[in-house]
Amino acid sequence: MDLIEKVRNKIRLSQAEGEALYDLDLYTLGELADNIRKAKHGKKSYFNINRHINPTNVCADVCKFCAYSATRKNPLQYTMSHEKILEIVAHSVSIGAKEMHIVSAHNPKDGVEWYMGAFRKIKAQYPKVHIKAMTAAEIDFLTREYGHSYDEVLDMMIENGVDSMPGGGAEIFDEGVREYLCKGKVTSAQWLDIHQKWHERGRESNATMLFGHVETRAHRIDHMIRLRTLQDKTGGFNAFIPLVYQRENNFLKVEHFPSGQEILKTYAIARILLDNIPHIKAYWVTASINLALIAQEFGCDDLDGTIEKESIQSAAGSEGAKGMNLDDFIALIKNAGFTPVERDSLYNELEVHDR
């Protein structure tokens, strides 16, 4: 049976077969992925009304691809007070935000209580707001810095109001690439272990992959298969997010940036390989809204959300710093031929904009 027939017959592909998918022409690959997407979600494109909050840019770790973190000598470093965070939350809730997506740099000046206290105060004032917070990289940092175990940090997160975890810190799982990109940060095995422990607590998370830098296609396939393997065990990933590397203002000098076709092929391959992860998100902040909308025809069914403000990717050149107006977002999805579906953070449908 050839590769295309295997995909059509829903036969799982190996590492080598996953790599071979890249050799198919774009439209064949897109059709295969789109058929899977339509079977799962029809013409629905999901989004949520959310706010990204990045409370500090002071970081103990050094990642070559990062344009956001500030070293101790950087005059532009900042750390928000709890009062400032609550002020942001209050404004965002007043204009309809239902999710606070909170991720930070790894600030050695702030203790565990700074993190947990912020979550606790948000949940106390806004019990219906979904808190998506703490990447596996942040959790690993807290264990290294303050002597807690992963289990202890995860339990504290739940006790203080964190509802789900974002997928940041995954980057590329290959250890050789990771050694070059982000030596000293959470390892691939640790990242997977943290998410497994979170899932075993009955909680859900996202999974990400940063691509388009120094990794190979084989590294991407390996990354996806490792996620697929963990998902078989836990079922806790609700979405996979291939993040397109942003190349400005960082120390990773990449000469050959992936083409639009390469990005679309990667989205499509993710939909084909990750048969057990329900949603594939084209995160418009890193892909651009135009390419993210095209990606809805190449296996993706989610665009993330209105965001309101974004600091990490925009520091490296993305155009998502000010988020997206809700009416414009809905209109763009409709104009692309899809049905906009507002969801909550766990993909329960809240409103279908089909008129």
Protein backbone atom coordinates (compact mmCIF):
# COMPACT_ATOMS: atom_id res chain seq x y z
CA MET A 1 0.00 0.00 0.00
CA ASP A 2 1.48 3.37 -0.98
CA LEU A 3 1.74 6.39 1.29
CA ILE A 4 -1.37 8.17 0.05
CA GLU A 5 -3.49 5.06 0.42
CA LYS A 6 -2.20 4.59 3.97
CA VAL A 7 -3.31 8.10 4.86
CA ARG A 8 -6.72 7.61 3.26
CA ASN A 9 -7.14 4.33 5.11
CA LYS A 10 -6.17 5.94 8.43
CA ILE A 11 -3.10 3.77 8.89
CA ARG A 12 -0.57 5.33 11.22
CA LEU A 13 2.66 6.45 9.65
CA SER A 14 6.20 5.82 10.84
CA GLN A 15 9.03 8.33 11.16
CA ALA A 16 10.26 7.57 7.65
CA GLU A 17 6.76 7.76 6.19
CA GLY A 18 6.14 11.05 7.96
CA GLU A 19 9.29 12.47 6.40
CA ALA A 20 8.18 11.17 2.99
CA LEU A 21 4.97 13.21 3.24
CA TYR A 22 7.05 16.32 2.57
CA ASP A 23 7.85 14.90 -0.89
CA LEU A 24 4.19 15.00 -1.92
CA ASP A 25 3.07 18.07 -3.81
CA LEU A 26 1.37 20.77 -1.75
CA TYR A 27 -2.13 20.26 -3.12
CA THR A 28 -2.11 16.48 -2.65
CA LEU A 29 -0.94 16.94 0.92
CA GLY A 30 -3.49 19.68 1.49
CA GLU A 31 -6.33 17.53 0.20
CA LEU A 32 -5.36 14.64 2.47
CA ALA A 33 -5.20 16.90 5.52
CA ASP A 34 -8.36 18.79 4.60
CA ASN A 35 -10.34 15.57 4.35
CA ILE A 36 -9.27 14.66 7.88
CA ARG A 37 -10.12 18.15 9.10
CA LYS A 38 -13.57 18.09 7.48
CA ALA A 39 -14.34 14.67 8.98
CA LYS A 40 -13.52 16.02 12.44
CA HIS A 41 -14.78 19.60 12.29
CA GLY A 42 -16.54 20.31 8.99
CA LYS A 43 -16.01 23.96 8.02
CA LYS A 44 -15.74 25.26 11.57
CA SER A 45 -12.82 27.49 12.50
CA TYR A 46 -12.45 27.91 16.24
CA PHE A 47 -11.30 30.95 18.19
CA ASN A 48 -11.65 32.35 21.67
CA ILE A 49 -11.74 35.78 23.28
CA ASN A 50 -8.58 35.85 25.30
CA ARG A 51 -5.88 38.08 26.72
CA HIS A 52 -2.19 37.25 26.76
CA ILE A 53 -0.38 38.52 29.84
CA ASN A 54 3.41 38.33 30.09
CA PRO A 55 4.16 39.47 33.66
CA THR A 56 7.98 39.61 33.48
CA ASN A 57 10.73 39.56 30.88
CA VAL A 58 13.61 38.95 33.29
CA CYS A 59 14.97 35.48 32.56
CA ALA A 60 17.57 33.21 34.11
CA ASP A 61 17.75 31.06 30.96
CA VAL A 62 19.25 32.08 27.63
CA CYS A 63 17.57 30.82 24.44
CA LYS A 64 19.11 31.86 21.14
CA PHE A 65 15.75 32.26 19.43
CA CYS A 66 14.22 34.52 22.08
CA ALA A 67 13.82 38.26 21.52
CA TYR A 68 11.63 38.80 24.57
CA SER A 69 13.73 37.97 27.63
CA ALA A 70 15.88 40.66 29.28
CA THR A 71 19.19 40.02 30.97
CA ARG A 72 20.11 41.70 34.22
CA LYS A 73 21.98 44.42 32.25
CA ASN A 74 19.02 45.21 30.02
CA PRO A 75 17.51 48.59 30.92
CA LEU A 76 14.12 47.53 29.51
CA GLN A 77 13.44 44.72 31.98
CA TYR A 78 10.15 44.72 33.86
CA THR A 79 8.15 42.74 36.38
CA MET A 80 4.47 43.43 36.98
CA SER A 81 2.98 43.73 40.43
CA HIS A 82 -0.10 41.67 41.27
CA GLU A 83 -2.06 44.91 41.25
CA LYS A 84 -0.99 45.62 37.67
CA ILE A 85 -1.89 42.09 36.58
CA LEU A 86 -5.34 42.43 38.17
CA GLU A 87 -5.82 45.79 36.47
CA ILE A 88 -5.15 44.14 33.09
CA VAL A 89 -7.50 41.28 33.90
CA ALA A 90 -10.26 43.68 34.97
CA HIS A 91 -10.05 45.58 31.69
CA SER A 92 -9.96 42.42 29.58
CA VAL A 93 -12.93 40.87 31.36
CA SER A 94 -14.88 44.10 30.88
CA ILE A 95 -14.55 43.75 27.10
CA GLY A 96 -15.44 40.07 27.03
CA ALA A 97 -12.27 38.06 27.57
CA LYS A 98 -12.91 34.61 28.99
CA GLU A 99 -9.32 33.31 29.14
CA MET A 100 -6.15 34.73 30.65
CA HIS A 101 -3.12 33.20 28.93
CA ILE A 102 -0.27 33.92 31.35
CA VAL A 103 3.33 33.00 30.53
CA SER A 104 6.54 34.65 31.67
CA ALA A 105 10.26 34.59 31.48
CA HIS A 106 12.10 32.70 34.24
CA ASN A 107 12.68 35.45 36.77
CA PRO A 108 14.99 34.43 39.64
CA LYS A 109 13.97 37.52 41.60
CA ASP A 110 10.38 36.37 42.00
CA GLY A 111 9.45 33.54 44.32
CA VAL A 112 6.82 30.88 43.90
CA GLU A 113 4.31 33.06 45.77
CA TRP A 114 4.61 35.77 43.10
CA TYR A 115 3.38 33.28 40.51
CA MET A 116 0.82 31.45 42.61
CA GLY A 117 -0.44 34.56 44.36
CA ALA A 118 -1.28 36.16 41.03
CA PHE A 119 -3.32 33.15 39.95
CA ARG A 120 -5.09 32.95 43.29
CA LYS A 121 -6.06 36.63 43.24
CA ILE A 122 -7.37 36.45 39.67
CA LYS A 123 -9.49 33.40 40.45
CA ALA A 124 -10.82 34.96 43.66
CA GLN A 125 -12.08 38.05 41.82
CA TYR A 126 -13.03 36.36 38.54
CA PRO A 127 -13.95 32.74 39.30
CA LYS A 128 -15.39 32.14 35.81
CA VAL A 129 -12.26 33.28 33.97
CA HIS A 130 -10.18 30.39 32.65
CA ILE A 131 -6.52 30.66 33.64
CA LYS A 132 -4.16 29.05 31.15
CA ALA A 133 -0.73 29.47 32.66
CA MET A 134 2.74 28.09 33.37
CA THR A 135 4.63 26.42 30.56
CA ALA A 136 6.58 23.26 31.34
CA ALA A 137 9.70 25.41 31.05
CA GLU A 138 8.44 27.71 33.82
CA ILE A 139 7.52 24.75 36.00
CA ASP A 140 10.96 23.24 35.50
CA PHE A 141 12.54 26.60 36.37
CA LEU A 142 10.61 26.80 39.66
CA THR A 143 11.75 23.32 40.63
CA ARG A 144 15.38 24.17 39.89
CA GLU A 145 15.28 27.55 41.56
CA TYR A 146 13.29 26.74 44.69
CA GLY A 147 13.75 23.02 45.27
CA HIS A 148 10.18 21.87 44.60
CA SER A 149 9.27 18.72 42.71
CA TYR A 150 7.20 18.80 39.54
CA ASP A 151 4.32 17.24 41.46
CA GLU A 152 4.46 19.94 44.12
CA VAL A 153 4.42 22.77 41.59
CA LEU A 154 1.57 21.21 39.60
CA ASP A 155 -0.47 20.72 42.75
CA MET A 156 0.15 24.34 43.76
CA MET A 157 -1.03 25.48 40.35
CA ILE A 158 -4.31 23.64 40.74
CA GLU A 159 -4.78 24.83 44.33
CA ASN A 160 -4.27 28.43 43.23
CA GLY A 161 -6.64 28.42 40.26
CA VAL A 162 -4.75 27.37 37.12
CA ASP A 163 -7.18 25.55 34.83
CA SER A 164 -5.02 24.43 31.90
CA MET A 165 -1.45 24.60 30.66
CA PRO A 166 -0.10 26.21 27.50
CA GLY A 167 2.34 24.26 25.34
CA GLY A 168 5.33 26.60 25.40
CA GLY A 169 8.88 25.44 25.99
CA ALA A 170 8.64 22.41 23.72
CA GLU A 171 10.60 24.07 20.90
CA ILE A 172 12.09 21.01 19.11
CA PHE A 173 12.46 17.80 21.12
CA ASP A 174 15.66 16.58 19.43
CA GLU A 175 18.32 16.81 22.13
CA GLY A 176 21.07 17.94 19.76
CA VAL A 177 19.01 20.85 18.45
CA ARG A 178 17.90 21.66 21.97
CA GLU A 179 21.49 21.78 23.18
CA TYR A 180 22.15 24.46 20.59
CA LEU A 181 18.89 26.41 20.96
CA CYS A 182 18.20 26.48 24.68
CA LYS A 183 20.87 24.68 26.70
CA GLY A 184 19.97 24.54 30.39
CA LYS A 185 16.23 24.90 29.90
CA VAL A 186 13.73 22.06 30.42
CA THR A 187 14.74 18.95 28.45
CA SER A 188 12.43 17.17 26.02
CA ALA A 189 11.97 14.26 28.45
CA GLN A 190 11.18 16.65 31.29
CA TRP A 191 8.70 18.60 29.14
CA LEU A 192 6.85 15.40 28.29
CA ASP A 193 6.97 14.21 31.90
CA ILE A 194 5.47 17.47 33.19
CA HIS A 195 2.60 17.32 30.72
CA GLN A 196 1.98 13.66 31.51
CA LYS A 197 1.74 14.49 35.21
CA TRP A 198 -0.65 17.35 34.43
CA HIS A 199 -2.84 15.08 32.32
CA GLU A 200 -2.85 12.44 35.04
CA ARG A 201 -4.42 15.08 37.30
CA GLY A 202 -7.36 15.23 34.89
CA ARG A 203 -6.24 18.49 33.31
CA GLU A 204 -5.70 19.44 29.67
CA SER A 205 -2.88 21.23 27.90
CA ASN A 206 -1.67 22.40 24.52
CA ALA A 207 1.43 21.12 22.75
CA THR A 208 3.68 23.26 20.58
CA MET A 209 6.58 22.94 18.15
CA LEU A 210 8.82 25.83 17.15
CA PHE A 211 9.94 25.28 13.56
CA GLY A 212 11.63 27.12 10.73
CA HIS A 213 15.03 27.71 12.32
CA VAL A 214 17.89 25.16 12.45
CA GLU A 215 15.83 21.97 12.68
CA THR A 216 15.34 19.50 9.85
CA ARG A 217 12.13 17.99 8.57
CA ALA A 218 13.11 14.76 10.33
CA HIS A 219 13.29 16.65 13.64
CA ARG A 220 9.75 17.94 13.13
CA ILE A 221 8.40 14.45 12.45
CA ASP A 222 10.21 13.06 15.49
CA HIS A 223 8.69 15.83 17.60
CA MET A 224 5.16 15.05 16.41
CA ILE A 225 5.55 11.31 16.94
CA ARG A 226 6.75 11.83 20.52
CA LEU A 227 3.61 13.90 21.17
CA ARG A 228 1.44 11.24 19.54
CA THR A 229 2.98 8.59 21.77
CA LEU A 230 2.25 10.56 24.95
CA GLN A 231 -1.25 11.36 23.75
CA ASP A 232 -1.91 7.62 23.39
CA LYS A 233 -1.14 7.30 27.10
CA THR A 234 -2.97 10.31 28.49
CA GLY A 235 -5.34 11.89 25.96
CA GLY A 236 -4.65 15.24 27.62
CA PHE A 237 -3.55 17.38 24.67
CA ASN A 238 -6.46 19.31 23.21
CA ALA A 239 -4.49 21.10 20.50
CA PHE A 240 -1.18 21.04 18.67
CA ILE A 241 0.31 24.40 17.69
CA PRO A 242 3.14 24.52 15.15
CA LEU A 243 4.75 27.90 15.88
CA VAL A 244 6.59 29.59 13.03
CA TYR A 245 9.97 30.91 14.17
CA GLN A 246 10.22 34.72 14.26
CA ARG A 247 13.64 35.85 13.13
CA GLU A 248 14.14 39.42 14.33
CA ASN A 249 16.08 40.69 17.38
CA ASN A 250 17.60 37.40 18.53
CA PHE A 251 20.90 35.54 18.40
CA LEU A 252 19.80 32.72 16.10
CA LYS A 253 21.02 33.73 12.68
CA VAL A 254 18.78 31.83 10.28
CA GLU A 255 19.47 32.44 6.59
CA HIS A 256 16.85 30.18 5.03
CA PHE A 257 13.41 31.01 6.37
CA PRO A 258 10.69 28.48 5.46
CA SER A 259 8.46 29.35 2.51
CA GLY A 260 4.71 29.60 2.78
CA GLN A 261 4.49 26.20 1.09
CA GLU A 262 6.84 24.65 3.66
CA ILE A 263 4.76 26.07 6.49
CA LEU A 264 1.50 24.82 4.97
CA LYS A 265 3.02 21.38 4.39
CA THR A 266 4.04 21.23 8.05
CA TYR A 267 0.50 22.10 9.17
CA ALA A 268 -0.95 19.44 6.86
CA ILE A 269 1.50 16.79 8.03
CA ALA A 270 0.65 17.60 11.65
CA ARG A 271 -3.03 16.94 10.91
CA ILE A 272 -2.18 13.63 9.22
CA LEU A 273 0.27 12.34 11.84
CA LEU A 274 -1.49 13.50 15.00
CA ASP A 275 -4.63 11.42 14.62
CA ASN A 276 -5.23 11.45 18.38
CA ILE A 277 -4.98 15.22 19.01
CA PRO A 278 -8.33 16.80 18.13
CA HIS A 279 -7.29 20.29 17.05
CA ILE A 280 -4.45 21.77 14.99
CA LYS A 281 -4.00 25.48 15.58
CA ALA A 282 -2.54 27.91 13.06
CA TYR A 283 -1.46 30.53 15.57
CA TRP A 284 -2.03 33.68 13.54
CA VAL A 285 0.48 35.71 15.54
CA THR A 286 3.42 33.71 14.19
CA ALA A 287 1.99 32.62 10.85
CA SER A 288 0.29 35.93 9.91
CA ILE A 289 -3.49 36.09 9.73
CA ASN A 290 -3.50 35.53 5.96
CA LEU A 291 -1.45 32.34 6.06
CA ALA A 292 -3.33 31.12 9.13
CA LEU A 293 -6.61 31.45 7.22
CA ILE A 294 -5.16 29.53 4.26
CA ALA A 295 -3.98 26.90 6.73
CA GLN A 296 -7.61 26.21 7.56
CA GLU A 297 -7.67 24.43 4.18
CA PHE A 298 -4.53 22.46 5.05
CA GLY A 299 -5.70 20.64 8.15
CA CYS A 300 -5.95 23.41 10.74
CA ASP A 301 -9.24 24.20 12.47
CA ASP A 302 -8.24 26.81 15.04
CA LEU A 303 -6.71 30.31 14.92
CA ASP A 304 -6.22 30.95 18.67
CA GLY A 305 -8.01 34.13 19.69
CA THR A 306 -8.34 37.89 19.79
CA ILE A 307 -5.33 38.02 22.19
CA GLU A 308 -5.67 41.80 22.82
CA LYS A 309 -1.93 42.19 23.50
CA GLU A 310 1.08 39.97 22.80
CA SER A 311 4.69 40.64 23.82
CA ILE A 312 6.80 37.54 23.22
CA GLN A 313 6.39 36.82 19.50
CA SER A 314 6.00 40.48 18.57
CA ALA A 315 9.39 41.22 20.12
CA ALA A 316 10.84 38.98 17.41
CA GLY A 317 8.97 40.56 14.53
CA SER A 318 5.41 39.22 14.45
CA GLU A 319 2.56 41.67 13.84
CA GLY A 320 0.30 40.48 16.67
CA ALA A 321 1.31 42.96 19.38
CA LYS A 322 -2.12 44.61 19.56
CA GLY A 323 -4.24 41.53 19.02
CA MET A 324 -7.26 41.36 16.72
CA ASN A 325 -10.61 43.14 16.82
CA LEU A 326 -13.39 40.58 17.35
CA ASP A 327 -15.64 41.76 14.51
CA ASP A 328 -12.70 41.85 12.10
CA PHE A 329 -11.65 38.37 13.22
CA ILE A 330 -15.11 36.94 12.57
CA ALA A 331 -15.36 38.70 9.19
CA LEU A 332 -11.99 37.38 8.05
CA ILE A 333 -12.95 33.80 8.92
CA LYS A 334 -16.26 34.13 7.07
CA ASN A 335 -14.61 35.70 4.04
CA ALA A 336 -12.22 32.75 3.92
CA GLY A 337 -15.21 30.42 3.57
CA PHE A 338 -15.33 29.01 7.09
CA THR A 339 -17.78 29.18 9.96
CA PRO A 340 -16.40 31.14 12.94
CA VAL A 341 -17.03 29.29 16.21
CA GLU A 342 -16.24 30.98 19.49
CA ARG A 343 -15.03 28.36 21.94
CA ASP A 344 -13.91 28.24 25.52
CA SER A 345 -10.40 27.21 26.46
CA LEU A 346 -11.30 23.51 26.38
CA TYR A 347 -13.05 23.66 22.99
CA ASN A 348 -16.63 23.70 24.22
CA GLU A 349 -18.59 25.70 21.64
CA LEU A 350 -20.00 28.99 22.97
CA GLU A 351 -21.35 30.70 19.86
CA VAL A 352 -21.52 29.78 16.18
CA HIS A 353 -21.36 32.88 13.97
CA ASP A 354 -23.15 31.42 10.95
CA ARG A 355 -25.12 34.47 9.85
